[in-house]
Amino acid sequence: MVLTEKRKLEPREFSLPEIDDESALLRIEACGICGSDYEQFEGVLRTPTPLIPGHEPLGVIEQIGDRAALRWGVDVGDRVAVETIMSCRFCSQCLAGHYSLCKTRRMYSYVPLAEPPSLWGSYAEYMYIDKQSIVHRVDASLSPELAVMFNPLGAGFRWGVEIPGTGPGDSVLICGPGQRGLASVLACREAGAKQIFVTGLAADAKKLELAKEFGADATIDVQNEDAKQRVRELTDGEGVDVVVEVSSYATEPVAQSLDFVKPGGTIVLAGVKGFKPVPDFISDKIVLKEISIRGAIGVTSTGYKSAIDLIESGRSPIEKMHTHNFGLRDAELAIRTLAREIPGDESIHSCLLPTMD
């Protein structure tokens, strides 16, 4: 499925590419759908078109070059999860361990068709795996719709645990009960957080209930409760150690995070806002409380590994988050369902399954 312009996806056929010694061809089993898919569909991310979307690929190695097989430790027939980011490995950011900030990074689903071999996204039956990719072997016995959750759960581990350093005894407030917010609940609980709270809207009632099933100690409906006062009550007036802001488009939680976090605490900003300014953001609160604010884009290999390990262990009830399967030709419906554009139907986690077409 090719994104040809804003809000327009159409089916196209491509020849399978020749695979050299350094690359591979992936037969897609499932592609996860998240808020970034909607932002790309809406044109907010300003990605070049036409292109094949899909940055959460899970599949089976169909063809692979010898050097690629040696580098990645996988072979034909192995199921793998493919990381979104392709990096050079040699620039100063990569050498410092920050490959998500690589100076020449590329991302699957953001590379235009004009760049050979065109198959750079997983809204497809097959995807090209570039030599600059990182892949992770995944248990082949898991259902595709469960295994493909490696991506949102990986974000939960990086954004909710790795970046803020969440550990035993910490209190965490997660702004936004979407799939990344719910994944952050699972990751923070796995890391030993003592208290986990989740905020959302009245329309998020089902997601907030699921957050409790995943281990949240309390949820806050910001439309019908005084969130600032509620956080004070839940933390004996101290505030939380960590705020993880993963809401989509809403700017209010960014400003409110300065009130939610305790002095010396950490705020992680991972929800994009369409480049909108944040009203009522008072920087003096950062100074006076010595707050640390970190941005987060993408997921690290350690985050993905933690996610895959947890999914394979069976300890996590993450399957409760999965609500919809769609065929490739229904990609637009999948995106619009996630964005609440389909009356009476709400998605938390959904994926495209090529075999459904």
Protein backbone atom coordinates (compact mmCIF):
# COMPACT_ATOMS: atom_id res chain seq x y z
CA MET A 1 0.00 0.00 0.00
CA VAL A 2 1.53 3.28 -1.13
CA LEU A 3 0.93 6.70 0.41
CA THR A 4 0.70 8.84 -2.71
CA GLU A 5 -0.36 12.09 -1.02
CA LYS A 6 -2.01 13.30 2.18
CA ARG A 7 -4.76 10.86 3.29
CA LYS A 8 -4.48 8.72 0.15
CA LEU A 9 -3.27 5.11 0.12
CA GLU A 10 -3.41 2.94 -2.98
CA PRO A 11 -2.29 -0.59 -3.84
CA ARG A 12 0.68 -1.07 -6.15
CA GLU A 13 2.76 -4.01 -7.27
CA PHE A 14 6.58 -4.14 -7.33
CA SER A 15 9.13 -6.66 -8.50
CA LEU A 16 11.06 -8.35 -5.72
CA PRO A 17 14.58 -6.90 -5.53
CA GLU A 18 17.87 -8.68 -6.00
CA ILE A 19 19.48 -9.34 -2.61
CA ASP A 20 23.22 -8.77 -2.31
CA ASP A 21 25.64 -10.20 0.25
CA GLU A 22 24.82 -7.49 2.80
CA SER A 23 21.02 -7.35 2.70
CA ALA A 24 17.90 -9.47 3.10
CA LEU A 25 14.27 -9.76 2.04
CA LEU A 26 11.60 -10.05 4.73
CA ARG A 27 8.22 -11.73 4.19
CA ILE A 28 5.93 -9.62 6.34
CA GLU A 29 3.73 -11.43 8.85
CA ALA A 30 2.41 -8.35 10.65
CA CYS A 31 2.90 -4.59 10.76
CA GLY A 32 1.84 -2.66 13.84
CA ILE A 33 -0.17 0.57 13.56
CA CYS A 34 0.45 3.50 15.91
CA GLY A 35 -0.11 7.24 16.21
CA SER A 36 2.86 7.98 13.95
CA ASP A 37 1.05 6.19 11.13
CA TYR A 38 -1.84 8.61 11.50
CA GLU A 39 0.50 11.60 11.65
CA GLN A 40 2.21 10.42 8.46
CA PHE A 41 -1.18 9.78 6.82
CA GLU A 42 -2.29 13.32 7.78
CA GLY A 43 0.89 14.88 6.41
CA VAL A 44 2.00 16.21 9.79
CA LEU A 45 5.38 14.47 9.56
CA ARG A 46 6.10 16.03 6.16
CA THR A 47 7.54 12.82 4.75
CA PRO A 48 8.20 12.66 1.00
CA THR A 49 5.67 10.83 -1.14
CA PRO A 50 5.05 8.45 -2.72
CA LEU A 51 6.31 5.87 -0.23
CA ILE A 52 5.33 2.65 1.50
CA PRO A 53 4.41 3.31 5.15
CA GLY A 54 4.90 0.85 7.99
CA HIS A 55 7.70 1.10 10.56
CA GLU A 56 6.85 -1.84 12.85
CA PRO A 57 7.77 -4.91 10.77
CA LEU A 58 7.61 -8.48 11.97
CA GLY A 59 8.30 -11.25 9.51
CA VAL A 60 10.28 -14.22 8.26
CA ILE A 61 13.59 -14.03 6.41
CA GLU A 62 12.82 -15.00 2.81
CA GLN A 63 16.27 -14.36 1.32
CA ILE A 64 19.52 -13.22 2.90
CA GLY A 65 23.09 -12.58 1.85
CA ASP A 66 25.89 -14.56 3.51
CA ARG A 67 27.51 -11.56 5.19
CA ALA A 68 24.14 -10.31 6.41
CA ALA A 69 23.32 -13.72 7.89
CA LEU A 70 26.67 -13.75 9.69
CA ARG A 71 26.25 -10.17 10.97
CA TRP A 72 22.70 -10.62 12.27
CA GLY A 73 22.95 -14.26 13.32
CA VAL A 74 19.82 -15.27 11.42
CA ASP A 75 19.04 -17.25 8.29
CA VAL A 76 16.24 -18.04 5.86
CA GLY A 77 13.11 -19.12 7.75
CA ASP A 78 13.88 -17.24 10.96
CA ARG A 79 11.26 -14.88 12.38
CA VAL A 80 12.65 -11.44 13.16
CA ALA A 81 11.59 -8.01 14.37
CA VAL A 82 13.23 -5.17 12.46
CA GLU A 83 14.20 -1.93 14.21
CA THR A 84 12.80 1.25 12.69
CA ILE A 85 16.06 3.18 12.49
CA MET A 86 18.90 2.55 10.05
CA SER A 87 22.13 4.27 11.12
CA CYS A 88 25.66 4.56 9.80
CA ARG A 89 27.38 3.20 12.96
CA PHE A 90 30.42 5.46 12.40
CA CYS A 91 29.41 9.10 13.01
CA SER A 92 30.08 10.75 16.38
CA GLN A 93 26.53 10.08 17.62
CA CYS A 94 26.66 6.40 16.67
CA LEU A 95 30.11 5.93 18.20
CA ALA A 96 28.82 7.54 21.42
CA GLY A 97 26.03 4.96 21.55
CA HIS A 98 23.25 7.29 20.37
CA TYR A 99 22.44 5.67 17.05
CA SER A 100 18.87 7.00 17.12
CA LEU A 101 20.48 10.44 16.59
CA CYS A 102 22.73 9.34 13.72
CA LYS A 103 23.59 12.24 11.42
CA THR A 104 22.53 10.24 8.36
CA ARG A 105 19.82 8.09 9.93
CA ARG A 106 16.98 6.75 7.85
CA MET A 107 13.78 5.17 9.05
CA TYR A 108 11.66 2.45 7.56
CA SER A 109 8.42 3.89 6.11
CA TYR A 110 10.04 7.31 5.60
CA VAL A 111 12.17 6.46 2.54
CA PRO A 112 10.51 7.37 -0.78
CA LEU A 113 9.85 4.95 -3.61
CA ALA A 114 12.42 6.81 -5.72
CA GLU A 115 15.20 5.22 -3.67
CA PRO A 116 15.81 1.65 -4.89
CA PRO A 117 14.56 -0.93 -4.25
CA SER A 118 11.42 0.99 -3.12
CA LEU A 119 10.32 -1.61 -0.54
CA TRP A 120 11.15 0.51 2.53
CA GLY A 121 7.94 0.01 4.50
CA SER A 122 5.93 -2.85 5.95
CA TYR A 123 2.49 -2.03 4.55
CA ALA A 124 3.48 -4.75 2.14
CA GLU A 125 3.91 -8.47 1.60
CA TYR A 126 7.70 -8.08 1.45
CA MET A 127 10.19 -5.52 2.76
CA TYR A 128 13.83 -4.94 1.92
CA ILE A 129 16.24 -5.11 4.90
CA ASP A 130 19.16 -2.77 4.44
CA LYS A 131 22.66 -3.59 5.71
CA GLN A 132 22.43 -0.73 8.23
CA SER A 133 19.48 -2.37 9.96
CA ILE A 134 19.26 -4.15 13.30
CA VAL A 135 17.11 -7.27 13.61
CA HIS A 136 16.02 -9.36 16.59
CA ARG A 137 15.07 -13.01 16.50
CA VAL A 138 11.54 -13.65 17.83
CA ASP A 139 9.89 -16.88 18.99
CA ALA A 140 8.08 -18.36 15.98
CA SER A 141 5.40 -19.96 18.16
CA LEU A 142 3.87 -16.61 19.13
CA SER A 143 0.92 -15.31 17.16
CA PRO A 144 1.94 -12.50 14.76
CA GLU A 145 -0.40 -9.98 16.42
CA LEU A 146 1.24 -10.65 19.80
CA ALA A 147 4.83 -10.78 18.55
CA VAL A 148 4.48 -7.50 16.64
CA MET A 149 3.89 -5.70 19.95
CA PHE A 150 7.68 -5.68 20.36
CA ASN A 151 7.60 -2.12 19.03
CA PRO A 152 5.19 -0.32 21.41
CA LEU A 153 6.49 -2.32 24.37
CA GLY A 154 10.05 -1.47 23.36
CA ALA A 155 9.04 2.20 23.46
CA GLY A 156 7.60 1.63 26.92
CA PHE A 157 10.93 0.29 28.16
CA ARG A 158 13.00 3.07 26.62
CA TRP A 159 10.73 6.02 27.37
CA GLY A 160 9.38 4.83 30.70
CA VAL A 161 12.41 3.06 32.14
CA GLU A 162 15.73 3.59 30.34
CA ILE A 163 15.68 7.35 29.77
CA PRO A 164 14.40 8.41 33.22
CA GLY A 165 16.19 5.57 35.03
CA THR A 166 13.00 4.24 36.62
CA GLY A 167 13.66 1.62 39.28
CA PRO A 168 12.32 0.04 42.49
CA GLY A 169 10.55 2.53 44.74
CA ASP A 170 9.97 5.20 42.08
CA SER A 171 6.63 6.84 41.37
CA VAL A 172 5.65 7.38 37.74
CA LEU A 173 2.87 9.38 36.08
CA ILE A 174 2.07 8.46 32.47
CA CYS A 175 0.17 11.08 30.46
CA GLY A 176 -1.87 9.31 27.79
CA PRO A 177 -3.37 5.77 27.87
CA GLY A 178 -2.70 4.87 24.24
CA GLN A 179 -0.64 1.84 23.31
CA ARG A 180 2.70 3.52 24.22
CA GLY A 181 1.27 4.73 27.51
CA LEU A 182 -0.10 1.30 28.37
CA ALA A 183 3.20 -0.27 27.32
CA SER A 184 4.97 2.16 29.66
CA VAL A 185 2.79 0.87 32.51
CA LEU A 186 3.94 -2.69 31.82
CA ALA A 187 7.59 -1.64 31.51
CA CYS A 188 7.59 0.47 34.68
CA ARG A 189 5.90 -2.31 36.63
CA GLU A 190 8.51 -4.75 35.34
CA ALA A 191 11.24 -2.31 36.46
CA GLY A 192 9.84 -2.29 40.00
CA ALA A 193 8.16 1.11 40.18
CA LYS A 194 6.32 1.51 43.47
CA GLN A 195 3.51 3.72 42.19
CA ILE A 196 2.17 4.12 38.65
CA PHE A 197 -0.54 6.59 37.68
CA VAL A 198 -2.09 7.20 34.25
CA THR A 199 -4.01 10.22 32.98
CA GLY A 200 -6.51 10.29 30.14
CA LEU A 201 -9.76 11.77 28.85
CA ALA A 202 -13.31 10.71 29.62
CA ALA A 203 -13.36 8.97 26.23
CA ASP A 204 -10.40 6.86 27.39
CA ALA A 205 -12.40 5.03 30.09
CA LYS A 206 -11.74 1.56 28.65
CA LYS A 207 -8.04 2.28 28.21
CA LEU A 208 -7.78 3.60 31.76
CA GLU A 209 -9.40 0.42 33.06
CA LEU A 210 -6.89 -1.60 31.07
CA ALA A 211 -4.10 0.48 32.60
CA LYS A 212 -5.22 -0.76 36.03
CA GLU A 213 -5.18 -4.35 34.76
CA PHE A 214 -1.62 -3.74 33.57
CA GLY A 215 -0.53 -2.57 37.02
CA ALA A 216 -1.45 1.12 37.36
CA ASP A 217 -2.28 2.03 40.95
CA ALA A 218 -4.65 4.83 39.98
CA THR A 219 -6.00 6.60 36.91
CA ILE A 220 -7.05 10.23 36.48
CA ASP A 221 -9.75 11.54 34.15
CA VAL A 222 -8.36 15.01 33.44
CA GLN A 223 -11.71 16.27 32.15
CA ASN A 224 -13.62 15.43 35.30
CA GLU A 225 -10.92 15.59 37.98
CA ASP A 226 -8.38 18.18 39.09
CA ALA A 227 -5.29 16.32 37.91
CA LYS A 228 -2.82 18.49 39.82
CA GLN A 229 -4.72 18.06 43.10
CA ARG A 230 -5.19 14.34 42.49
CA VAL A 231 -1.45 13.81 41.98
CA ARG A 232 -0.78 15.67 45.21
CA GLU A 233 -3.22 13.41 47.06
CA LEU A 234 -1.73 10.24 45.59
CA THR A 235 1.85 11.24 46.47
CA ASP A 236 1.28 12.88 49.87
CA GLY A 237 1.99 16.26 48.33
CA GLU A 238 5.41 15.34 46.93
CA GLY A 239 4.75 14.80 43.24
CA VAL A 240 6.11 11.93 41.18
CA ASP A 241 9.70 10.98 40.42
CA VAL A 242 9.00 10.55 36.70
CA VAL A 243 6.46 11.90 34.23
CA VAL A 244 6.22 10.13 30.86
CA GLU A 245 4.27 12.33 28.42
CA VAL A 246 3.02 10.23 25.49
CA SER A 247 -0.27 11.92 24.63
CA SER A 248 -0.92 12.73 20.99
CA TYR A 249 -1.23 16.35 19.82
CA ALA A 250 -2.42 17.71 23.18
CA THR A 251 -0.04 20.34 24.55
CA GLU A 252 -1.68 20.84 27.96
CA PRO A 253 -0.01 17.77 29.54
CA VAL A 254 3.44 19.17 28.70
CA ALA A 255 2.84 22.31 30.76
CA GLN A 256 1.06 20.34 33.49
CA SER A 257 3.99 17.94 33.81
CA LEU A 258 5.95 20.71 35.54
CA ASP A 259 3.39 20.59 38.35
CA PHE A 260 3.11 16.80 38.48
CA VAL A 261 6.83 16.08 38.95
CA LYS A 262 8.59 16.45 42.28
CA PRO A 263 11.68 18.66 42.80
CA GLY A 264 14.65 16.96 41.17
CA GLY A 265 12.38 14.70 39.11
CA THR A 266 12.46 13.83 35.43
CA ILE A 267 10.01 14.50 32.60
CA VAL A 268 10.23 12.47 29.38
CA LEU A 269 8.53 14.04 26.37
CA ALA A 270 7.72 11.46 23.69
CA GLY A 271 4.31 12.48 22.34
CA VAL A 272 4.60 14.68 19.25
CA LYS A 273 2.38 17.76 18.96
CA GLY A 274 2.47 18.61 15.28
CA PHE A 275 5.06 21.35 15.92
CA LYS A 276 2.55 23.38 17.95
CA PRO A 277 3.84 25.74 20.68
CA VAL A 278 3.00 24.90 24.31
CA PRO A 279 0.90 27.61 26.02
CA ASP A 280 1.42 28.31 29.73
CA PHE A 281 4.79 26.55 29.81
CA ILE A 282 6.53 28.30 32.72
CA SER A 283 10.28 27.69 32.56
CA ASP A 284 10.86 29.11 36.05
CA LYS A 285 9.28 25.93 37.45
CA ILE A 286 12.07 23.94 35.80
CA VAL A 287 14.69 26.18 37.40
CA LEU A 288 13.21 26.31 40.88
CA LYS A 289 12.49 22.57 41.04
CA GLU A 290 15.66 21.53 39.16
CA ILE A 291 13.60 19.40 36.83
CA SER A 292 15.29 17.32 34.13
CA ILE A 293 13.46 17.21 30.80
CA ARG A 294 14.38 14.63 28.19
CA GLY A 295 13.09 14.16 24.68
CA ALA A 296 12.62 10.66 23.28
CA ILE A 297 12.51 9.46 19.69
CA GLY A 298 12.68 5.84 18.67
CA VAL A 299 13.69 2.79 20.65
CA THR A 300 17.08 1.33 21.51
CA SER A 301 18.15 -2.27 20.94
CA THR A 302 18.10 -2.83 24.70
CA GLY A 303 14.52 -1.56 24.81
CA TYR A 304 13.49 -3.93 22.03
CA LYS A 305 15.30 -6.83 23.71
CA SER A 306 13.55 -6.18 27.02
CA ALA A 307 10.22 -6.06 25.21
CA ILE A 308 10.78 -9.29 23.29
CA ASP A 309 12.00 -11.05 26.42
CA LEU A 310 8.87 -9.99 28.33
CA ILE A 311 6.52 -11.02 25.53
CA GLU A 312 8.21 -14.40 25.15
CA SER A 313 8.12 -14.99 28.92
CA GLY A 314 4.33 -14.90 29.00
CA ARG A 315 4.39 -12.83 32.23
CA SER A 316 2.75 -9.84 30.57
CA PRO A 317 -0.97 -9.56 29.74
CA ILE A 318 -0.07 -7.32 26.80
CA GLU A 319 -2.35 -9.32 24.48
CA LYS A 320 -5.31 -7.55 26.15
CA MET A 321 -4.20 -4.37 24.40
CA HIS A 322 -4.66 -5.85 20.91
CA THR A 323 -8.07 -5.01 19.48
CA HIS A 324 -8.02 -5.20 15.67
CA ASN A 325 -6.54 -7.09 12.72
CA PHE A 326 -6.75 -5.59 9.23
CA GLY A 327 -5.76 -6.75 5.78
CA LEU A 328 -3.32 -4.68 3.70
CA ARG A 329 -6.03 -3.15 1.54
CA ASP A 330 -7.76 -1.94 4.69
CA ALA A 331 -4.73 0.09 5.82
CA GLU A 332 -6.63 3.37 5.59
CA LEU A 333 -9.46 1.94 7.67
CA ALA A 334 -6.91 0.76 10.26
CA ILE A 335 -5.42 4.24 10.55
CA ARG A 336 -8.79 5.99 10.73
CA THR A 337 -10.03 3.50 13.34
CA LEU A 338 -7.02 4.21 15.54
CA ALA A 339 -7.67 7.94 15.13
CA ARG A 340 -11.29 7.54 16.29
CA GLU A 341 -12.63 8.59 12.90
CA ILE A 342 -14.88 5.51 12.70
CA PRO A 343 -17.96 6.04 14.92
CA GLY A 344 -18.58 3.24 17.40
CA ASP A 345 -15.25 1.50 16.86
CA GLU A 346 -12.18 2.15 18.98
CA SER A 347 -8.73 0.64 18.53
CA ILE A 348 -5.92 0.43 21.06
CA HIS A 349 -3.39 -1.76 19.28
CA SER A 350 -4.01 -3.00 15.76
CA CYS A 351 -1.92 -4.46 12.98
CA LEU A 352 -1.97 -5.24 9.29
CA LEU A 353 -1.81 -8.93 8.35
CA PRO A 354 -0.97 -9.49 4.65
CA THR A 355 -2.47 -12.97 4.78
CA MET A 356 -5.93 -11.47 5.44
CA ASP A 357 -6.11 -10.03 1.91
